[in-house]
Amino acid sequence: MRGSRRLLVLSENPPSFTITVTSEAGENDETVQTTLKFTYSEKYPDEAPLYEIFSQLNLDDNDVSDILKLLALQAEENLGMVMIFTLVTAVQEKLNEMVDQIKTRREEEKKQKEKEAEEAEKQLFHGTPVTIENFLSWKAKFDAELLEIKKKRMKEEEQAGKNKLSGMTPHIQFPLSPPILFLM
């Protein structure tokens, strides 16, 4: 059995006591805990004992409600038999399940955050998808820039030619070409 239990007798007549049930420690030593108060009725075990959650630690209202439903179900199933051990054992198992669910939920949240970070990183490197329309738009801008550069260069060459006293000067001109793009 995982977890722990403590018993405290509150009164002898009617017999009343509390049992503190603690789950097994989770990943970061977190535990859930509840203190159940039982009071025997005169017809116990043919009648279910009175029970309540006396106190709790790290349980929300839904968890408390689930535990009370579990106690009612177990008490009904065990009428006619001594049942406190069975009730406490069922609660112990439920608390351990809750800790396991917390661990699973945290792992899923961590995976989700990692996935979101990975998607955000992919977006950074993705860029603009190339389509015919945006390629033609880019090409028109590129051709206009290229024409502007050629005009500027020709103007500079004219200025250089006027300033020179000698005739022709040899030079090599390399044509500019647009970068090679891969269409997806």
C-alpha atoms as a PDB file:
ATOM      1  CA  MET A   1       0.000   0.000   0.000  1.00  0.00           C
ATOM      2  CA  ARG A   2       1.428   3.371  -0.976  1.00  0.00           C
ATOM      3  CA  GLY A   3       1.026   6.423   1.300  1.00  0.00           C
ATOM      4  CA  SER A   4       0.361   6.594   5.012  1.00  0.00           C
ATOM      5  CA  ARG A   5      -2.466   6.626   7.574  1.00  0.00           C
ATOM      6  CA  ARG A   6      -2.935   7.961  11.134  1.00  0.00           C
ATOM      7  CA  LEU A   7      -5.787   7.157  13.539  1.00  0.00           C
ATOM      8  CA  LEU A   8      -7.117   9.464  16.269  1.00  0.00           C
ATOM      9  CA  VAL A   9     -10.030   8.396  18.523  1.00  0.00           C
ATOM     10  CA  LEU A  10     -12.378  11.333  19.202  1.00  0.00           C
ATOM     11  CA  SER A  11     -15.011   9.691  21.438  1.00  0.00           C
ATOM     12  CA  GLU A  12     -16.053   6.333  22.787  1.00  0.00           C
ATOM     13  CA  ASN A  13     -19.818   6.821  22.818  1.00  0.00           C
ATOM     14  CA  PRO A  14     -20.774   6.958  20.013  1.00  0.00           C
ATOM     15  CA  PRO A  15     -17.526   5.576  18.649  1.00  0.00           C
ATOM     16  CA  SER A  16     -15.964   8.383  16.614  1.00  0.00           C
ATOM     17  CA  PHE A  17     -12.481   8.715  15.203  1.00  0.00           C
ATOM     18  CA  THR A  18     -10.459  10.315  12.436  1.00  0.00           C
ATOM     19  CA  ILE A  19      -8.059   8.690  10.061  1.00  0.00           C
ATOM     20  CA  THR A  20      -5.619  10.859   8.121  1.00  0.00           C
ATOM     21  CA  VAL A  21      -4.814   9.378   4.735  1.00  0.00           C
ATOM     22  CA  THR A  22      -1.820  10.683   2.766  1.00  0.00           C
ATOM     23  CA  SER A  23      -0.908   9.753  -0.778  1.00  0.00           C
ATOM     24  CA  GLU A  24       2.479   8.578  -1.882  1.00  0.00           C
ATOM     25  CA  ALA A  25       4.804  11.507  -2.622  1.00  0.00           C
ATOM     26  CA  GLY A  26       4.712  12.669  -6.212  1.00  0.00           C
ATOM     27  CA  GLU A  27       7.457  13.915  -8.497  1.00  0.00           C
ATOM     28  CA  ASN A  28       8.351  16.994  -6.415  1.00  0.00           C
ATOM     29  CA  ASP A  29       7.418  15.427  -3.074  1.00  0.00           C
ATOM     30  CA  GLU A  30       3.909  16.818  -3.405  1.00  0.00           C
ATOM     31  CA  THR A  31       1.218  14.857  -1.663  1.00  0.00           C
ATOM     32  CA  VAL A  32      -2.521  15.022  -1.282  1.00  0.00           C
ATOM     33  CA  GLN A  33      -4.048  14.310   2.062  1.00  0.00           C
ATOM     34  CA  THR A  34      -7.430  14.047   3.687  1.00  0.00           C
ATOM     35  CA  THR A  35      -8.592  13.421   7.233  1.00  0.00           C
ATOM     36  CA  LEU A  36     -11.739  11.330   7.315  1.00  0.00           C
ATOM     37  CA  LYS A  37     -14.035  11.410  10.357  1.00  0.00           C
ATOM     38  CA  PHE A  38     -16.049   8.266  10.989  1.00  0.00           C
ATOM     39  CA  THR A  39     -18.815   7.820  13.550  1.00  0.00           C
ATOM     40  CA  TYR A  40     -20.386   4.412  14.003  1.00  0.00           C
ATOM     41  CA  SER A  41     -24.164   4.230  13.937  1.00  0.00           C
ATOM     42  CA  GLU A  42     -26.003   1.906  16.340  1.00  0.00           C
ATOM     43  CA  LYS A  43     -26.603  -0.633  13.571  1.00  0.00           C
ATOM     44  CA  TYR A  44     -23.053  -0.637  12.165  1.00  0.00           C
ATOM     45  CA  PRO A  45     -21.991  -2.670  10.099  1.00  0.00           C
ATOM     46  CA  ASP A  46     -25.525  -3.320   8.799  1.00  0.00           C
ATOM     47  CA  GLU A  47     -25.776   0.420   8.351  1.00  0.00           C
ATOM     48  CA  ALA A  48     -23.017   2.597   6.926  1.00  0.00           C
ATOM     49  CA  PRO A  49     -21.029   4.685   9.405  1.00  0.00           C
ATOM     50  CA  LEU A  50     -21.383   8.441   9.259  1.00  0.00           C
ATOM     51  CA  TYR A  51     -18.393   9.939   7.505  1.00  0.00           C
ATOM     52  CA  GLU A  52     -17.132  13.318   6.470  1.00  0.00           C
ATOM     53  CA  ILE A  53     -13.959  14.913   5.228  1.00  0.00           C
ATOM     54  CA  PHE A  54     -12.659  16.562   8.360  1.00  0.00           C
ATOM     55  CA  SER A  55      -9.772  18.351   6.638  1.00  0.00           C
ATOM     56  CA  GLN A  56      -7.806  18.137   3.397  1.00  0.00           C
ATOM     57  CA  LEU A  57      -4.531  19.229   1.835  1.00  0.00           C
ATOM     58  CA  ASN A  58      -3.935  19.965  -1.885  1.00  0.00           C
ATOM     59  CA  LEU A  59      -7.410  18.817  -2.916  1.00  0.00           C
ATOM     60  CA  ASP A  60      -9.867  20.936  -4.858  1.00  0.00           C
ATOM     61  CA  ASP A  61     -13.659  20.805  -4.512  1.00  0.00           C
ATOM     62  CA  ASN A  62     -14.022  18.279  -7.344  1.00  0.00           C
ATOM     63  CA  ASP A  63     -11.516  15.951  -5.653  1.00  0.00           C
ATOM     64  CA  VAL A  64     -13.396  16.204  -2.346  1.00  0.00           C
ATOM     65  CA  SER A  65     -16.661  15.469  -4.140  1.00  0.00           C
ATOM     66  CA  ASP A  66     -15.102  12.442  -5.863  1.00  0.00           C
ATOM     67  CA  ILE A  67     -13.868  11.085  -2.536  1.00  0.00           C
ATOM     68  CA  LEU A  68     -17.305  11.483  -0.930  1.00  0.00           C
ATOM     69  CA  LYS A  69     -18.935   9.680  -3.889  1.00  0.00           C
ATOM     70  CA  LEU A  70     -16.354   6.904  -3.597  1.00  0.00           C
ATOM     71  CA  LEU A  71     -17.060   6.531   0.139  1.00  0.00           C
ATOM     72  CA  ALA A  72     -20.822   6.329  -0.495  1.00  0.00           C
ATOM     73  CA  LEU A  73     -20.359   3.679  -3.185  1.00  0.00           C
ATOM     74  CA  GLN A  74     -17.954   1.592  -1.083  1.00  0.00           C
ATOM     75  CA  ALA A  75     -20.174   1.851   2.007  1.00  0.00           C
ATOM     76  CA  GLU A  76     -23.188   0.670   0.014  1.00  0.00           C
ATOM     77  CA  GLU A  77     -21.240  -2.269  -1.450  1.00  0.00           C
ATOM     78  CA  ASN A  78     -19.944  -3.345   1.974  1.00  0.00           C
ATOM     79  CA  LEU A  79     -23.109  -3.156   4.089  1.00  0.00           C
ATOM     80  CA  GLY A  80     -23.246  -6.039   6.558  1.00  0.00           C
ATOM     81  CA  MET A  81     -19.438  -6.256   6.807  1.00  0.00           C
ATOM     82  CA  VAL A  82     -16.876  -4.343   8.817  1.00  0.00           C
ATOM     83  CA  MET A  83     -15.915  -1.701   6.260  1.00  0.00           C
ATOM     84  CA  ILE A  84     -13.664   1.020   7.668  1.00  0.00           C
ATOM     85  CA  PHE A  85     -10.498  -0.643   6.370  1.00  0.00           C
ATOM     86  CA  THR A  86     -12.112  -1.022   2.932  1.00  0.00           C
ATOM     87  CA  LEU A  87     -13.255   2.612   2.885  1.00  0.00           C
ATOM     88  CA  VAL A  88      -9.842   3.929   3.929  1.00  0.00           C
ATOM     89  CA  THR A  89      -8.064   1.690   1.421  1.00  0.00           C
ATOM     90  CA  ALA A  90     -10.319   2.951  -1.378  1.00  0.00           C
ATOM     91  CA  VAL A  91      -9.579   6.565  -0.411  1.00  0.00           C
ATOM     92  CA  GLN A  92      -5.847   5.777  -0.222  1.00  0.00           C
ATOM     93  CA  GLU A  93      -5.910   4.384  -3.775  1.00  0.00           C
ATOM     94  CA  LYS A  94      -7.923   7.376  -4.991  1.00  0.00           C
ATOM     95  CA  LEU A  95      -5.394   9.820  -3.504  1.00  0.00           C
ATOM     96  CA  ASN A  96      -2.527   7.949  -5.179  1.00  0.00           C
ATOM     97  CA  GLU A  97      -4.410   8.107  -8.501  1.00  0.00           C
ATOM     98  CA  MET A  98      -4.811  11.857  -8.017  1.00  0.00           C
ATOM     99  CA  VAL A  99      -1.061  12.302  -7.514  1.00  0.00           C
ATOM    100  CA  ASP A 100      -0.426  10.217 -10.642  1.00  0.00           C
ATOM    101  CA  GLN A 101      -2.908  12.379 -12.575  1.00  0.00           C
ATOM    102  CA  ILE A 102      -1.157  15.536 -11.368  1.00  0.00           C
ATOM    103  CA  LYS A 103       2.164  14.114 -12.569  1.00  0.00           C
ATOM    104  CA  THR A 104       0.685  13.130 -15.939  1.00  0.00           C
ATOM    105  CA  ARG A 105      -0.965  16.551 -16.337  1.00  0.00           C
ATOM    106  CA  ARG A 106       2.342  18.312 -15.626  1.00  0.00           C
ATOM    107  CA  GLU A 107       4.185  16.111 -18.119  1.00  0.00           C
ATOM    108  CA  GLU A 108       1.549  16.863 -20.777  1.00  0.00           C
ATOM    109  CA  GLU A 109       1.778  20.603 -20.046  1.00  0.00           C
ATOM    110  CA  LYS A 110       5.570  20.417 -20.356  1.00  0.00           C
ATOM    111  CA  LYS A 111       5.304  18.577 -23.691  1.00  0.00           C
ATOM    112  CA  GLN A 112       2.738  21.120 -24.917  1.00  0.00           C
ATOM    113  CA  LYS A 113       5.024  24.031 -23.988  1.00  0.00           C
ATOM    114  CA  GLU A 114       7.955  22.351 -25.756  1.00  0.00           C
ATOM    115  CA  LYS A 115       5.798  21.787 -28.838  1.00  0.00           C
ATOM    116  CA  GLU A 116       4.651  25.435 -28.829  1.00  0.00           C
ATOM    117  CA  ALA A 117       8.259  26.625 -28.486  1.00  0.00           C
ATOM    118  CA  GLU A 118       9.289  24.377 -31.375  1.00  0.00           C
ATOM    119  CA  GLU A 119       6.449  25.724 -33.544  1.00  0.00           C
ATOM    120  CA  ALA A 120       7.428  29.316 -32.688  1.00  0.00           C
ATOM    121  CA  GLU A 121      11.029  28.547 -33.644  1.00  0.00           C
ATOM    122  CA  LYS A 122       9.894  27.045 -36.953  1.00  0.00           C
ATOM    123  CA  GLN A 123       7.918  30.210 -37.672  1.00  0.00           C
ATOM    124  CA  LEU A 124      11.057  32.314 -37.182  1.00  0.00           C
ATOM    125  CA  PHE A 125      12.895  30.416 -39.913  1.00  0.00           C
ATOM    126  CA  HIS A 126       9.963  29.805 -42.207  1.00  0.00           C
ATOM    127  CA  GLY A 127       9.774  33.174 -44.011  1.00  0.00           C
ATOM    128  CA  THR A 128       7.380  34.049 -46.804  1.00  0.00           C
ATOM    129  CA  PRO A 129       6.228  31.214 -49.020  1.00  0.00           C
ATOM    130  CA  VAL A 130       7.080  31.802 -52.701  1.00  0.00           C
ATOM    131  CA  THR A 131       4.093  32.065 -54.998  1.00  0.00           C
ATOM    132  CA  ILE A 132       3.909  33.217 -58.598  1.00  0.00           C
ATOM    133  CA  GLU A 133       2.358  36.522 -57.543  1.00  0.00           C
ATOM    134  CA  ASN A 134       4.914  37.447 -54.874  1.00  0.00           C
ATOM    135  CA  PHE A 135       7.794  36.252 -57.088  1.00  0.00           C
ATOM    136  CA  LEU A 136       6.652  38.493 -59.967  1.00  0.00           C
ATOM    137  CA  SER A 137       6.290  41.394 -57.542  1.00  0.00           C
ATOM    138  CA  TRP A 138       9.807  40.786 -56.216  1.00  0.00           C
ATOM    139  CA  LYS A 139      11.171  40.427 -59.778  1.00  0.00           C
ATOM    140  CA  ALA A 140       9.654  43.766 -60.866  1.00  0.00           C
ATOM    141  CA  LYS A 141      11.259  45.514 -57.864  1.00  0.00           C
ATOM    142  CA  PHE A 142      14.558  43.736 -58.504  1.00  0.00           C
ATOM    143  CA  ASP A 143      14.563  44.712 -62.195  1.00  0.00           C
ATOM    144  CA  ALA A 144      13.808  48.335 -61.277  1.00  0.00           C
ATOM    145  CA  GLU A 145      16.696  48.355 -58.761  1.00  0.00           C
ATOM    146  CA  LEU A 146      18.985  46.758 -61.334  1.00  0.00           C
ATOM    147  CA  LEU A 147      18.047  49.361 -63.950  1.00  0.00           C
ATOM    148  CA  GLU A 148      18.737  52.130 -61.438  1.00  0.00           C
ATOM    149  CA  ILE A 149      22.180  50.656 -60.687  1.00  0.00           C
ATOM    150  CA  LYS A 150      23.001  50.408 -64.405  1.00  0.00           C
ATOM    151  CA  LYS A 151      21.948  54.031 -64.993  1.00  0.00           C
ATOM    152  CA  LYS A 152      24.078  55.171 -62.066  1.00  0.00           C
ATOM    153  CA  ARG A 153      27.073  53.180 -63.319  1.00  0.00           C
ATOM    154  CA  MET A 154      26.722  54.560 -66.850  1.00  0.00           C
ATOM    155  CA  LYS A 155      26.547  58.089 -65.464  1.00  0.00           C
ATOM    156  CA  GLU A 156      29.691  57.455 -63.415  1.00  0.00           C
ATOM    157  CA  GLU A 157      31.454  56.052 -66.484  1.00  0.00           C
ATOM    158  CA  GLU A 158      30.473  59.104 -68.528  1.00  0.00           C
ATOM    159  CA  GLN A 159      31.870  61.368 -65.837  1.00  0.00           C
ATOM    160  CA  ALA A 160      35.058  59.302 -65.684  1.00  0.00           C
ATOM    161  CA  GLY A 161      35.368  59.384 -69.498  1.00  0.00           C
ATOM    162  CA  LYS A 162      35.075  63.160 -69.686  1.00  0.00           C
ATOM    163  CA  ASN A 163      37.738  63.614 -67.031  1.00  0.00           C
ATOM    164  CA  LYS A 164      40.289  61.387 -68.835  1.00  0.00           C
ATOM    165  CA  LEU A 165      42.626  62.871 -71.431  1.00  0.00           C
ATOM    166  CA  SER A 166      43.441  59.640 -73.172  1.00  0.00           C
ATOM    167  CA  GLY A 167      41.132  57.739 -75.465  1.00  0.00           C
ATOM    168  CA  MET A 168      39.661  54.377 -74.575  1.00  0.00           C
ATOM    169  CA  THR A 169      40.252  52.606 -71.323  1.00  0.00           C
ATOM    170  CA  PRO A 170      39.819  48.824 -71.238  1.00  0.00           C
ATOM    171  CA  HIS A 171      37.510  47.424 -68.614  1.00  0.00           C
ATOM    172  CA  ILE A 172      35.473  44.287 -68.064  1.00  0.00           C
ATOM    173  CA  GLN A 173      31.839  44.507 -67.068  1.00  0.00           C
ATOM    174  CA  PHE A 174      30.109  41.523 -65.469  1.00  0.00           C
ATOM    175  CA  PRO A 175      26.356  41.352 -65.939  1.00  0.00           C
ATOM    176  CA  LEU A 176      24.224  41.332 -62.775  1.00  0.00           C
ATOM    177  CA  SER A 177      21.805  38.500 -62.533  1.00  0.00           C
ATOM    178  CA  PRO A 178      19.031  37.831 -60.046  1.00  0.00           C
ATOM    179  CA  PRO A 179      19.701  35.199 -57.392  1.00  0.00           C
ATOM    180  CA  ILE A 180      18.477  31.688 -58.133  1.00  0.00           C
ATOM    181  CA  LEU A 181      15.233  30.958 -56.279  1.00  0.00           C
ATOM    182  CA  PHE A 182      13.737  27.593 -55.648  1.00  0.00           C
ATOM    183  CA  LEU A 183       9.966  27.519 -55.980  1.00  0.00           C
ATOM    184  CA  MET A 184       8.197  25.246 -53.561  1.00  0.00           C
END
